């Protein structure tokens, strides 16, 4: 356990350094991109003068050197103050993110649970039945999942289930009569609106994870300790699920940790297609408006999720592999 604690502390310090590096690069890149937050307020107004633009830039603090703007933003971030949006509402960025985050996070968490519940048994079954018709069928499904773009699948599903069959709504989070529905009716209404987005998230994630699981399981099944377990007369289920599966989950833990940032980043396109008021759509709107505080707020959240995913992956490795907990190598 001391080795695990030492590893955790070292990883946490390194995460802090990496986080600062991410914020520096992100802050510089968004300010170097063409356009300015003042463009939308001045370009389309024929009465706008250069003096008006200068006053707006001073109001937003854009007239100061870039490094001064960054350290001022970092000082506010240390107090968990993400600043105010440069859009017309001028609302706090943290408040706008807090409104959108539950929907995006909820959809992706449900999708992740469904993906794990399907991909792990599917990968294990494909590895155990290697070369069978079942394995070939799963392989075809996996390659289709890799090949089909999420936005194209979304459009096809909108046409089939929303327009042609009229089974599911094609956009939005609720229906027009949502306020008049009962508690169960509201739940069912939201579920119908989110069915297609969650299905798309699950299918696109399922392909890669099940393939990783199959490949890793095949490697583990060829190891000597699996042959020894079978030679001792253990049942097939005991060999597969008690001995092979635990070791095969190690690479999957890493993939899950690295997929955590996708809980937000991967939502931009799907939320735009289905007109869902989530964090991905908010980030897209912020980029189009060059709303620097809002963009940085989303990027900081993505960076935190990325680094937290790496940390959770390390902890997961330590929990799954006793050699990491004790600090011993495999030699």
C-alpha atoms as a PDB file:
ATOM      1  CA  UNK A   1       0.000   0.000   0.000  1.00  0.00           C
ATOM      2  CA  UNK A   2       2.832   2.531   0.649  1.00  0.00           C
ATOM      3  CA  UNK A   3       4.051   1.889  -2.891  1.00  0.00           C
ATOM      4  CA  UNK A   4       0.563   2.603  -4.197  1.00  0.00           C
ATOM      5  CA  UNK A   5       0.340   5.818  -2.140  1.00  0.00           C
ATOM      6  CA  UNK A   6       3.750   6.954  -3.374  1.00  0.00           C
ATOM      7  CA  UNK A   7       2.709   6.256  -6.948  1.00  0.00           C
ATOM      8  CA  UNK A   8      -0.514   8.211  -6.429  1.00  0.00           C
ATOM      9  CA  UNK A   9       1.267  11.265  -4.993  1.00  0.00           C
ATOM     10  CA  UNK A  10       3.831  11.339  -7.800  1.00  0.00           C
ATOM     11  CA  UNK A  11       1.097  11.007 -10.384  1.00  0.00           C
ATOM     12  CA  UNK A  12      -0.907  13.824  -8.780  1.00  0.00           C
ATOM     13  CA  UNK A  13       2.076  16.210  -8.866  1.00  0.00           C
ATOM     14  CA  UNK A  14       2.727  15.374 -12.493  1.00  0.00           C
ATOM     15  CA  UNK A  15      -0.950  15.943 -13.304  1.00  0.00           C
ATOM     16  CA  UNK A  16      -0.708  19.458 -11.866  1.00  0.00           C
ATOM     17  CA  UNK A  17       2.237  20.289 -14.146  1.00  0.00           C
ATOM     18  CA  UNK A  18       0.508  18.841 -17.194  1.00  0.00           C
ATOM     19  CA  UNK A  19      -2.686  20.735 -16.381  1.00  0.00           C
ATOM     20  CA  UNK A  20      -0.842  24.060 -16.342  1.00  0.00           C
ATOM     21  CA  UNK A  21       0.756  23.199 -19.680  1.00  0.00           C
ATOM     22  CA  UNK A  22      -2.639  22.395 -21.180  1.00  0.00           C
ATOM     23  CA  UNK A  23      -4.122  25.696 -20.016  1.00  0.00           C
ATOM     24  CA  UNK A  24      -1.185  27.689 -21.432  1.00  0.00           C
ATOM     25  CA  UNK A  25      -1.450  26.047 -24.852  1.00  0.00           C
ATOM     26  CA  UNK A  26      -5.246  26.261 -24.941  1.00  0.00           C
ATOM     27  CA  UNK A  27      -5.251  29.931 -23.949  1.00  0.00           C
ATOM     28  CA  UNK A  28      -2.689  30.779 -26.611  1.00  0.00           C
ATOM     29  CA  UNK A  29      -4.352  28.802 -29.395  1.00  0.00           C
ATOM     30  CA  UNK A  30      -7.845  30.230 -28.968  1.00  0.00           C
ATOM     31  CA  UNK A  31      -6.449  33.786 -28.986  1.00  0.00           C
ATOM     32  CA  UNK A  32      -4.385  33.091 -32.104  1.00  0.00           C
ATOM     33  CA  UNK A  33      -7.410  31.788 -34.009  1.00  0.00           C
ATOM     34  CA  UNK A  34      -8.987  34.233 -36.508  1.00  0.00           C
ATOM     35  CA  UNK A  35     -11.837  36.331 -35.207  1.00  0.00           C
ATOM     36  CA  UNK A  36     -12.604  38.103 -31.961  1.00  0.00           C
ATOM     37  CA  UNK A  37     -15.510  38.191 -29.480  1.00  0.00           C
ATOM     38  CA  UNK A  38     -16.160  41.767 -30.569  1.00  0.00           C
ATOM     39  CA  UNK A  39     -16.660  40.837 -34.236  1.00  0.00           C
ATOM     40  CA  UNK A  40     -20.257  39.666 -33.830  1.00  0.00           C
ATOM     41  CA  UNK A  41     -21.124  42.860 -31.947  1.00  0.00           C
ATOM     42  CA  UNK A  42     -19.477  45.288 -34.360  1.00  0.00           C
ATOM     43  CA  UNK A  43     -19.190  43.794 -37.857  1.00  0.00           C
ATOM     44  CA  UNK A  44     -22.908  43.678 -38.616  1.00  0.00           C
ATOM     45  CA  UNK A  45     -23.599  47.111 -37.116  1.00  0.00           C
ATOM     46  CA  UNK A  46     -23.025  49.886 -39.660  1.00  0.00           C
ATOM     47  CA  UNK A  47     -22.873  52.513 -36.902  1.00  0.00           C
ATOM     48  CA  UNK A  48     -19.941  50.845 -35.188  1.00  0.00           C
ATOM     49  CA  UNK A  49     -16.650  52.750 -35.206  1.00  0.00           C
ATOM     50  CA  UNK A  50     -13.092  51.839 -34.326  1.00  0.00           C
ATOM     51  CA  UNK A  51     -13.538  53.614 -31.015  1.00  0.00           C
ATOM     52  CA  UNK A  52     -16.506  51.389 -30.208  1.00  0.00           C
ATOM     53  CA  UNK A  53     -14.447  48.261 -30.886  1.00  0.00           C
ATOM     54  CA  UNK A  54     -11.632  49.605 -28.707  1.00  0.00           C
ATOM     55  CA  UNK A  55     -14.047  50.228 -25.818  1.00  0.00           C
ATOM     56  CA  UNK A  56     -15.419  46.704 -26.109  1.00  0.00           C
ATOM     57  CA  UNK A  57     -11.921  45.221 -26.101  1.00  0.00           C
ATOM     58  CA  UNK A  58     -11.086  47.244 -22.982  1.00  0.00           C
ATOM     59  CA  UNK A  59     -14.327  46.073 -21.362  1.00  0.00           C
ATOM     60  CA  UNK A  60     -13.414  42.428 -21.956  1.00  0.00           C
ATOM     61  CA  UNK A  61      -9.748  42.976 -21.073  1.00  0.00           C
ATOM     62  CA  UNK A  62      -8.582  42.049 -24.579  1.00  0.00           C
ATOM     63  CA  UNK A  63      -6.423  45.169 -24.868  1.00  0.00           C
ATOM     64  CA  UNK A  64      -3.914  43.813 -22.339  1.00  0.00           C
ATOM     65  CA  UNK A  65      -0.884  41.619 -23.233  1.00  0.00           C
ATOM     66  CA  UNK A  66      -1.726  37.948 -23.645  1.00  0.00           C
ATOM     67  CA  UNK A  67       0.381  36.761 -20.713  1.00  0.00           C
ATOM     68  CA  UNK A  68      -1.345  39.293 -18.423  1.00  0.00           C
ATOM     69  CA  UNK A  69      -4.737  38.016 -19.558  1.00  0.00           C
ATOM     70  CA  UNK A  70      -3.645  34.430 -18.891  1.00  0.00           C
ATOM     71  CA  UNK A  71      -2.384  35.032 -15.356  1.00  0.00           C
ATOM     72  CA  UNK A  72      -5.503  37.019 -14.540  1.00  0.00           C
ATOM     73  CA  UNK A  73      -7.642  34.140 -15.819  1.00  0.00           C
ATOM     74  CA  UNK A  74      -5.512  31.627 -13.856  1.00  0.00           C
ATOM     75  CA  UNK A  75      -5.925  33.646 -10.648  1.00  0.00           C
ATOM     76  CA  UNK A  76      -9.695  33.560 -11.088  1.00  0.00           C
ATOM     77  CA  UNK A  77      -9.568  29.834 -11.891  1.00  0.00           C
ATOM     78  CA  UNK A  78      -7.758  29.164  -8.604  1.00  0.00           C
ATOM     79  CA  UNK A  79     -10.884  30.543  -6.925  1.00  0.00           C
ATOM     80  CA  UNK A  80     -13.077  28.370  -9.169  1.00  0.00           C
ATOM     81  CA  UNK A  81     -14.193  31.461 -11.012  1.00  0.00           C
ATOM     82  CA  UNK A  82     -14.418  30.778 -14.748  1.00  0.00           C
ATOM     83  CA  UNK A  83     -15.407  34.348 -15.503  1.00  0.00           C
ATOM     84  CA  UNK A  84     -18.435  35.617 -17.382  1.00  0.00           C
ATOM     85  CA  UNK A  85     -19.511  34.710 -20.879  1.00  0.00           C
ATOM     86  CA  UNK A  86     -18.816  37.312 -23.579  1.00  0.00           C
ATOM     87  CA  UNK A  87     -22.189  36.609 -25.172  1.00  0.00           C
ATOM     88  CA  UNK A  88     -25.126  38.966 -24.823  1.00  0.00           C
ATOM     89  CA  UNK A  89     -26.376  37.377 -21.588  1.00  0.00           C
ATOM     90  CA  UNK A  90     -22.998  37.865 -19.764  1.00  0.00           C
ATOM     91  CA  UNK A  91     -23.835  35.008 -17.415  1.00  0.00           C
ATOM     92  CA  UNK A  92     -21.165  33.232 -15.337  1.00  0.00           C
ATOM     93  CA  UNK A  93     -19.477  30.485 -17.349  1.00  0.00           C
ATOM     94  CA  UNK A  94     -19.705  28.021 -14.469  1.00  0.00           C
ATOM     95  CA  UNK A  95     -23.452  28.570 -14.295  1.00  0.00           C
ATOM     96  CA  UNK A  96     -23.900  27.924 -18.021  1.00  0.00           C
ATOM     97  CA  UNK A  97     -21.756  24.787 -17.857  1.00  0.00           C
ATOM     98  CA  UNK A  98     -23.635  23.569 -14.783  1.00  0.00           C
ATOM     99  CA  UNK A  99     -26.935  23.790 -16.665  1.00  0.00           C
ATOM    100  CA  UNK A 100     -25.699  21.750 -19.607  1.00  0.00           C
ATOM    101  CA  UNK A 101     -23.410  19.231 -17.911  1.00  0.00           C
ATOM    102  CA  UNK A 102     -26.047  16.898 -16.359  1.00  0.00           C
ATOM    103  CA  UNK A 103     -27.610  16.064 -19.728  1.00  0.00           C
ATOM    104  CA  UNK A 104     -24.308  15.380 -21.491  1.00  0.00           C
ATOM    105  CA  UNK A 105     -22.847  13.458 -18.573  1.00  0.00           C
ATOM    106  CA  UNK A 106     -26.021  11.468 -18.010  1.00  0.00           C
ATOM    107  CA  UNK A 107     -26.304  10.370 -21.646  1.00  0.00           C
ATOM    108  CA  UNK A 108     -22.680   9.309 -21.822  1.00  0.00           C
ATOM    109  CA  UNK A 109     -22.669   7.512 -18.478  1.00  0.00           C
ATOM    110  CA  UNK A 110     -25.707   5.471 -19.529  1.00  0.00           C
ATOM    111  CA  UNK A 111     -24.009   4.765 -22.848  1.00  0.00           C
ATOM    112  CA  UNK A 112     -20.787   3.723 -21.092  1.00  0.00           C
ATOM    113  CA  UNK A 113     -22.643   1.305 -18.810  1.00  0.00           C
ATOM    114  CA  UNK A 114     -24.437  -0.237 -21.784  1.00  0.00           C
ATOM    115  CA  UNK A 115     -21.161  -0.454 -23.716  1.00  0.00           C
ATOM    116  CA  UNK A 116     -19.389  -2.283 -20.888  1.00  0.00           C
ATOM    117  CA  UNK A 117     -22.343  -4.608 -20.322  1.00  0.00           C
ATOM    118  CA  UNK A 118     -22.317  -5.614 -23.992  1.00  0.00           C
ATOM    119  CA  UNK A 119     -18.699  -5.249 -25.149  1.00  0.00           C
ATOM    120  CA  UNK A 120     -16.959  -7.286 -22.449  1.00  0.00           C
ATOM    121  CA  UNK A 121     -19.147 -10.431 -22.771  1.00  0.00           C
ATOM    122  CA  UNK A 122     -19.102 -10.019 -26.559  1.00  0.00           C
ATOM    123  CA  UNK A 123     -15.315  -9.807 -26.679  1.00  0.00           C
ATOM    124  CA  UNK A 124     -14.890 -12.774 -24.346  1.00  0.00           C
ATOM    125  CA  UNK A 125     -17.354 -14.895 -26.325  1.00  0.00           C
ATOM    126  CA  UNK A 126     -15.620 -14.020 -29.617  1.00  0.00           C
ATOM    127  CA  UNK A 127     -12.226 -14.985 -28.189  1.00  0.00           C
ATOM    128  CA  UNK A 128     -13.476 -18.287 -26.778  1.00  0.00           C
ATOM    129  CA  UNK A 129     -15.228 -19.109 -30.087  1.00  0.00           C
ATOM    130  CA  UNK A 130     -12.417 -17.868 -32.296  1.00  0.00           C
ATOM    131  CA  UNK A 131     -12.984 -18.639 -35.989  1.00  0.00           C
ATOM    132  CA  UNK A 132     -16.632 -19.660 -35.508  1.00  0.00           C
ATOM    133  CA  UNK A 133     -19.621 -18.183 -37.296  1.00  0.00           C
ATOM    134  CA  UNK A 134     -20.398 -16.158 -34.179  1.00  0.00           C
ATOM    135  CA  UNK A 135     -16.921 -14.663 -34.169  1.00  0.00           C
ATOM    136  CA  UNK A 136     -17.132 -13.775 -37.875  1.00  0.00           C
ATOM    137  CA  UNK A 137     -20.537 -12.171 -37.395  1.00  0.00           C
ATOM    138  CA  UNK A 138     -19.274 -10.068 -34.491  1.00  0.00           C
ATOM    139  CA  UNK A 139     -16.239  -9.061 -36.565  1.00  0.00           C
ATOM    140  CA  UNK A 140     -18.480  -7.792 -39.366  1.00  0.00           C
ATOM    141  CA  UNK A 141     -20.567  -5.850 -36.853  1.00  0.00           C
ATOM    142  CA  UNK A 142     -17.424  -4.364 -35.317  1.00  0.00           C
ATOM    143  CA  UNK A 143     -16.025  -3.189 -38.638  1.00  0.00           C
ATOM    144  CA  UNK A 144     -19.372  -1.615 -39.491  1.00  0.00           C
ATOM    145  CA  UNK A 145     -19.263   0.190 -36.163  1.00  0.00           C
ATOM    146  CA  UNK A 146     -15.793   1.488 -36.972  1.00  0.00           C
ATOM    147  CA  UNK A 147     -16.692   2.517 -40.505  1.00  0.00           C
ATOM    148  CA  UNK A 148     -20.036   4.273 -40.042  1.00  0.00           C
ATOM    149  CA  UNK A 149     -19.665   7.931 -38.949  1.00  0.00           C
ATOM    150  CA  UNK A 150     -21.818   8.852 -35.977  1.00  0.00           C
ATOM    151  CA  UNK A 151     -23.444  11.868 -37.633  1.00  0.00           C
ATOM    152  CA  UNK A 152     -24.393   9.812 -40.719  1.00  0.00           C
ATOM    153  CA  UNK A 153     -25.912   7.085 -38.567  1.00  0.00           C
ATOM    154  CA  UNK A 154     -27.809   9.794 -36.679  1.00  0.00           C
ATOM    155  CA  UNK A 155     -29.287  11.166 -39.890  1.00  0.00           C
ATOM    156  CA  UNK A 156     -30.307   7.679 -41.060  1.00  0.00           C
ATOM    157  CA  UNK A 157     -31.983   6.925 -37.745  1.00  0.00           C
ATOM    158  CA  UNK A 158     -33.784  10.264 -37.769  1.00  0.00           C
ATOM    159  CA  UNK A 159     -35.218   9.487 -41.184  1.00  0.00           C
ATOM    160  CA  UNK A 160     -36.132   5.868 -40.409  1.00  0.00           C
ATOM    161  CA  UNK A 161     -37.448   6.036 -36.832  1.00  0.00           C
ATOM    162  CA  UNK A 162     -38.447   9.683 -36.693  1.00  0.00           C
ATOM    163  CA  UNK A 163     -39.881  10.482 -40.138  1.00  0.00           C
ATOM    164  CA  UNK A 164     -40.651   7.222 -41.956  1.00  0.00           C
ATOM    165  CA  UNK A 165     -41.895   5.125 -39.004  1.00  0.00           C
ATOM    166  CA  UNK A 166     -42.729   8.035 -36.690  1.00  0.00           C
ATOM    167  CA  UNK A 167     -41.662   6.079 -33.609  1.00  0.00           C
ATOM    168  CA  UNK A 168     -39.257   8.531 -31.997  1.00  0.00           C
ATOM    169  CA  UNK A 169     -38.832  12.334 -31.955  1.00  0.00           C
ATOM    170  CA  UNK A 170     -35.939  13.552 -34.076  1.00  0.00           C
ATOM    171  CA  UNK A 171     -34.784  16.574 -32.073  1.00  0.00           C
ATOM    172  CA  UNK A 172     -34.965  18.365 -28.767  1.00  0.00           C
ATOM    173  CA  UNK A 173     -35.151  17.041 -25.220  1.00  0.00           C
ATOM    174  CA  UNK A 174     -38.870  17.285 -24.519  1.00  0.00           C
ATOM    175  CA  UNK A 175     -42.178  17.535 -26.379  1.00  0.00           C
ATOM    176  CA  UNK A 176     -44.385  20.608 -26.549  1.00  0.00           C
ATOM    177  CA  UNK A 177     -46.887  19.153 -24.042  1.00  0.00           C
ATOM    178  CA  UNK A 178     -44.158  18.130 -21.571  1.00  0.00           C
ATOM    179  CA  UNK A 179     -45.473  20.391 -18.770  1.00  0.00           C
ATOM    180  CA  UNK A 180     -48.906  18.762 -18.921  1.00  0.00           C
ATOM    181  CA  UNK A 181     -47.604  15.211 -18.584  1.00  0.00           C
ATOM    182  CA  UNK A 182     -47.468  13.107 -15.424  1.00  0.00           C
ATOM    183  CA  UNK A 183     -44.161  12.183 -13.760  1.00  0.00           C
ATOM    184  CA  UNK A 184     -44.050   8.870 -15.627  1.00  0.00           C
ATOM    185  CA  UNK A 185     -45.104  10.593 -18.844  1.00  0.00           C
ATOM    186  CA  UNK A 186     -42.255  13.097 -18.514  1.00  0.00           C
ATOM    187  CA  UNK A 187     -39.749  10.328 -17.890  1.00  0.00           C
ATOM    188  CA  UNK A 188     -40.980   8.405 -20.920  1.00  0.00           C
ATOM    189  CA  UNK A 189     -40.957  11.542 -23.060  1.00  0.00           C
ATOM    190  CA  UNK A 190     -37.306  12.316 -22.211  1.00  0.00           C
ATOM    191  CA  UNK A 191     -36.379   8.657 -22.721  1.00  0.00           C
ATOM    192  CA  UNK A 192     -37.881   8.672 -26.220  1.00  0.00           C
ATOM    193  CA  UNK A 193     -35.953  11.828 -27.104  1.00  0.00           C
ATOM    194  CA  UNK A 194     -32.654  10.390 -25.847  1.00  0.00           C
ATOM    195  CA  UNK A 195     -33.068   6.856 -27.222  1.00  0.00           C
ATOM    196  CA  UNK A 196     -31.384   7.512 -30.573  1.00  0.00           C
ATOM    197  CA  UNK A 197     -28.444   9.577 -29.239  1.00  0.00           C
ATOM    198  CA  UNK A 198     -27.653   7.004 -26.546  1.00  0.00           C
ATOM    199  CA  UNK A 199     -27.912   4.187 -29.089  1.00  0.00           C
ATOM    200  CA  UNK A 200     -25.428   5.968 -31.369  1.00  0.00           C
ATOM    201  CA  UNK A 201     -22.997   6.598 -28.498  1.00  0.00           C
ATOM    202  CA  UNK A 202     -23.210   2.935 -27.517  1.00  0.00           C
ATOM    203  CA  UNK A 203     -22.760   1.495 -31.012  1.00  0.00           C
ATOM    204  CA  UNK A 204     -19.784   3.682 -31.887  1.00  0.00           C
ATOM    205  CA  UNK A 205     -18.055   2.852 -28.575  1.00  0.00           C
ATOM    206  CA  UNK A 206     -19.008  -0.813 -28.590  1.00  0.00           C
ATOM    207  CA  UNK A 207     -17.006  -1.674 -31.695  1.00  0.00           C
ATOM    208  CA  UNK A 208     -13.602  -0.633 -30.409  1.00  0.00           C
ATOM    209  CA  UNK A 209     -13.995  -1.895 -26.856  1.00  0.00           C
ATOM    210  CA  UNK A 210     -15.250  -5.341 -27.874  1.00  0.00           C
ATOM    211  CA  UNK A 211     -12.355  -5.709 -30.324  1.00  0.00           C
ATOM    212  CA  UNK A 212      -9.807  -4.750 -27.685  1.00  0.00           C
ATOM    213  CA  UNK A 213     -11.394  -7.214 -25.305  1.00  0.00           C
ATOM    214  CA  UNK A 214     -11.249 -10.017 -27.875  1.00  0.00           C
ATOM    215  CA  UNK A 215      -7.601  -9.381 -28.759  1.00  0.00           C
ATOM    216  CA  UNK A 216      -6.483  -9.184 -25.147  1.00  0.00           C
ATOM    217  CA  UNK A 217      -8.448 -12.286 -24.211  1.00  0.00           C
ATOM    218  CA  UNK A 218      -6.832 -14.260 -27.020  1.00  0.00           C
ATOM    219  CA  UNK A 219      -3.385 -13.305 -25.739  1.00  0.00           C
ATOM    220  CA  UNK A 220      -4.248 -14.269 -22.180  1.00  0.00           C
ATOM    221  CA  UNK A 221      -5.699 -17.635 -23.222  1.00  0.00           C
ATOM    222  CA  UNK A 222      -2.307 -18.555 -24.720  1.00  0.00           C
ATOM    223  CA  UNK A 223      -0.439 -17.880 -21.482  1.00  0.00           C
ATOM    224  CA  UNK A 224       1.138 -20.701 -19.454  1.00  0.00           C
ATOM    225  CA  UNK A 225      -0.919 -20.097 -16.323  1.00  0.00           C
ATOM    226  CA  UNK A 226      -4.113 -20.712 -18.322  1.00  0.00           C
ATOM    227  CA  UNK A 227      -2.719 -24.026 -19.586  1.00  0.00           C
ATOM    228  CA  UNK A 228      -1.809 -24.909 -16.002  1.00  0.00           C
ATOM    229  CA  UNK A 229      -5.307 -24.069 -14.770  1.00  0.00           C
ATOM    230  CA  UNK A 230      -6.813 -26.319 -17.433  1.00  0.00           C
ATOM    231  CA  UNK A 231      -4.353 -29.085 -16.617  1.00  0.00           C
ATOM    232  CA  UNK A 232      -5.556 -28.992 -13.013  1.00  0.00           C
ATOM    233  CA  UNK A 233      -9.032 -29.883 -14.246  1.00  0.00           C
ATOM    234  CA  UNK A 234     -10.717 -26.543 -13.642  1.00  0.00           C
ATOM    235  CA  UNK A 235     -13.947 -25.975 -15.502  1.00  0.00           C
ATOM    236  CA  UNK A 236     -14.053 -23.812 -18.644  1.00  0.00           C
ATOM    237  CA  UNK A 237     -16.092 -21.144 -16.862  1.00  0.00           C
ATOM    238  CA  UNK A 238     -13.608 -21.014 -13.977  1.00  0.00           C
ATOM    239  CA  UNK A 239     -10.639 -20.679 -16.344  1.00  0.00           C
ATOM    240  CA  UNK A 240     -12.283 -17.985 -18.415  1.00  0.00           C
ATOM    241  CA  UNK A 241     -13.971 -15.829 -15.791  1.00  0.00           C
ATOM    242  CA  UNK A 242     -11.781 -16.334 -12.696  1.00  0.00           C
ATOM    243  CA  UNK A 243      -8.329 -16.446 -14.258  1.00  0.00           C
ATOM    244  CA  UNK A 244      -8.306 -15.106 -17.810  1.00  0.00           C
ATOM    245  CA  UNK A 245     -10.858 -12.296 -17.584  1.00  0.00           C
ATOM    246  CA  UNK A 246      -9.202 -10.453 -14.698  1.00  0.00           C
ATOM    247  CA  UNK A 247      -5.893 -10.223 -16.542  1.00  0.00           C
ATOM    248  CA  UNK A 248      -7.584  -9.348 -19.827  1.00  0.00           C
ATOM    249  CA  UNK A 249      -9.281  -6.351 -18.196  1.00  0.00           C
ATOM    250  CA  UNK A 250      -5.997  -4.485 -17.627  1.00  0.00           C
ATOM    251  CA  UNK A 251      -5.748  -2.939 -21.129  1.00  0.00           C
ATOM    252  CA  UNK A 252      -9.490  -2.295 -21.092  1.00  0.00           C
ATOM    253  CA  UNK A 253      -9.058  -0.269 -17.892  1.00  0.00           C
ATOM    254  CA  UNK A 254      -6.610   1.983 -19.722  1.00  0.00           C
ATOM    255  CA  UNK A 255      -9.011   2.441 -22.632  1.00  0.00           C
ATOM    256  CA  UNK A 256     -11.834   3.329 -20.253  1.00  0.00           C
ATOM    257  CA  UNK A 257      -9.655   5.885 -18.505  1.00  0.00           C
ATOM    258  CA  UNK A 258      -8.704   7.512 -21.794  1.00  0.00           C
ATOM    259  CA  UNK A 259     -12.323   7.483 -22.968  1.00  0.00           C
ATOM    260  CA  UNK A 260     -13.531   9.666 -20.092  1.00  0.00           C
ATOM    261  CA  UNK A 261     -12.803  12.942 -21.974  1.00  0.00           C
ATOM    262  CA  UNK A 262     -15.073  11.650 -24.731  1.00  0.00           C
ATOM    263  CA  UNK A 263     -17.975  11.993 -22.314  1.00  0.00           C
ATOM    264  CA  UNK A 264     -17.913  15.672 -23.314  1.00  0.00           C
ATOM    265  CA  UNK A 265     -15.829  16.033 -26.454  1.00  0.00           C
ATOM    266  CA  UNK A 266     -17.653  13.331 -28.375  1.00  0.00           C
ATOM    267  CA  UNK A 267     -21.013  14.975 -27.740  1.00  0.00           C
ATOM    268  CA  UNK A 268     -20.531  18.050 -29.927  1.00  0.00           C
ATOM    269  CA  UNK A 269     -21.684  16.524 -33.223  1.00  0.00           C
ATOM    270  CA  UNK A 270     -24.489  14.322 -31.900  1.00  0.00           C
ATOM    271  CA  UNK A 271     -25.954  17.076 -29.716  1.00  0.00           C
ATOM    272  CA  UNK A 272     -25.879  19.434 -32.686  1.00  0.00           C
ATOM    273  CA  UNK A 273     -27.627  16.904 -34.951  1.00  0.00           C
ATOM    274  CA  UNK A 274     -30.355  16.169 -32.394  1.00  0.00           C
ATOM    275  CA  UNK A 275     -30.562  19.784 -31.114  1.00  0.00           C
ATOM    276  CA  UNK A 276     -29.958  18.693 -27.529  1.00  0.00           C
ATOM    277  CA  UNK A 277     -29.137  21.421 -24.991  1.00  0.00           C
ATOM    278  CA  UNK A 278     -26.001  19.732 -23.713  1.00  0.00           C
ATOM    279  CA  UNK A 279     -22.428  20.754 -23.074  1.00  0.00           C
ATOM    280  CA  UNK A 280     -21.246  19.758 -26.532  1.00  0.00           C
ATOM    281  CA  UNK A 281     -23.686  22.139 -28.176  1.00  0.00           C
ATOM    282  CA  UNK A 282     -22.682  24.890 -25.738  1.00  0.00           C
ATOM    283  CA  UNK A 283     -19.013  24.402 -26.600  1.00  0.00           C
ATOM    284  CA  UNK A 284     -19.791  24.628 -30.317  1.00  0.00           C
ATOM    285  CA  UNK A 285     -21.731  27.842 -29.807  1.00  0.00           C
ATOM    286  CA  UNK A 286     -18.866  29.278 -27.770  1.00  0.00           C
ATOM    287  CA  UNK A 287     -16.347  28.495 -30.495  1.00  0.00           C
ATOM    288  CA  UNK A 288     -18.495  30.080 -33.180  1.00  0.00           C
ATOM    289  CA  UNK A 289     -18.907  33.243 -31.080  1.00  0.00           C
ATOM    290  CA  UNK A 290     -15.239  33.306 -29.992  1.00  0.00           C
ATOM    291  CA  UNK A 291     -16.464  33.383 -26.410  1.00  0.00           C
ATOM    292  CA  UNK A 292     -13.047  32.941 -24.768  1.00  0.00           C
ATOM    293  CA  UNK A 293     -14.158  32.403 -21.139  1.00  0.00           C
ATOM    294  CA  UNK A 294     -16.759  29.848 -22.223  1.00  0.00           C
ATOM    295  CA  UNK A 295     -14.276  28.032 -24.473  1.00  0.00           C
ATOM    296  CA  UNK A 296     -11.643  27.921 -21.721  1.00  0.00           C
ATOM    297  CA  UNK A 297     -14.228  26.683 -19.232  1.00  0.00           C
ATOM    298  CA  UNK A 298     -15.062  23.747 -21.494  1.00  0.00           C
ATOM    299  CA  UNK A 299     -11.403  23.054 -22.257  1.00  0.00           C
ATOM    300  CA  UNK A 300     -10.522  23.086 -18.563  1.00  0.00           C
ATOM    301  CA  UNK A 301     -13.317  20.619 -17.884  1.00  0.00           C
ATOM    302  CA  UNK A 302     -12.058  18.405 -20.708  1.00  0.00           C
ATOM    303  CA  UNK A 303      -8.488  18.608 -19.377  1.00  0.00           C
ATOM    304  CA  UNK A 304      -9.623  17.684 -15.870  1.00  0.00           C
ATOM    305  CA  UNK A 305     -11.526  14.688 -17.224  1.00  0.00           C
ATOM    306  CA  UNK A 306      -8.537  13.610 -19.318  1.00  0.00           C
ATOM    307  CA  UNK A 307      -6.111  13.770 -16.407  1.00  0.00           C
ATOM    308  CA  UNK A 308      -8.621  12.191 -14.030  1.00  0.00           C
ATOM    309  CA  UNK A 309      -9.077   9.387 -16.543  1.00  0.00           C
ATOM    310  CA  UNK A 310      -5.332   8.727 -16.572  1.00  0.00           C
ATOM    311  CA  UNK A 311      -5.248   8.733 -12.787  1.00  0.00           C
ATOM    312  CA  UNK A 312      -8.207   6.365 -12.559  1.00  0.00           C
ATOM    313  CA  UNK A 313      -6.550   4.087 -15.118  1.00  0.00           C
ATOM    314  CA  UNK A 314      -3.418   3.915 -12.951  1.00  0.00           C
ATOM    315  CA  UNK A 315      -5.471   3.172  -9.858  1.00  0.00           C
ATOM    316  CA  UNK A 316      -7.439   0.567 -11.752  1.00  0.00           C
ATOM    317  CA  UNK A 317      -4.214  -1.108 -12.817  1.00  0.00           C
ATOM    318  CA  UNK A 318      -3.051  -1.151  -9.225  1.00  0.00           C
ATOM    319  CA  UNK A 319      -6.311  -2.694  -8.031  1.00  0.00           C
ATOM    320  CA  UNK A 320      -6.294  -5.318 -10.770  1.00  0.00           C
ATOM    321  CA  UNK A 321      -2.582  -6.185 -10.621  1.00  0.00           C
ATOM    322  CA  UNK A 322      -1.125  -6.999  -7.167  1.00  0.00           C
ATOM    323  CA  UNK A 323       2.424  -6.461  -8.483  1.00  0.00           C
ATOM    324  CA  UNK A 324       1.713  -2.737  -8.860  1.00  0.00           C
ATOM    325  CA  UNK A 325       0.255  -2.471  -5.353  1.00  0.00           C
ATOM    326  CA  UNK A 326       3.346  -4.092  -3.801  1.00  0.00           C
ATOM    327  CA  UNK A 327       5.811  -2.286  -6.068  1.00  0.00           C
ATOM    328  CA  UNK A 328       7.253  -5.521  -7.453  1.00  0.00           C
ATOM    329  CA  UNK A 329       8.028  -6.213 -11.083  1.00  0.00           C
ATOM    330  CA  UNK A 330       6.963  -9.249 -13.033  1.00  0.00           C
ATOM    331  CA  UNK A 331      10.528 -10.610 -13.032  1.00  0.00           C
END
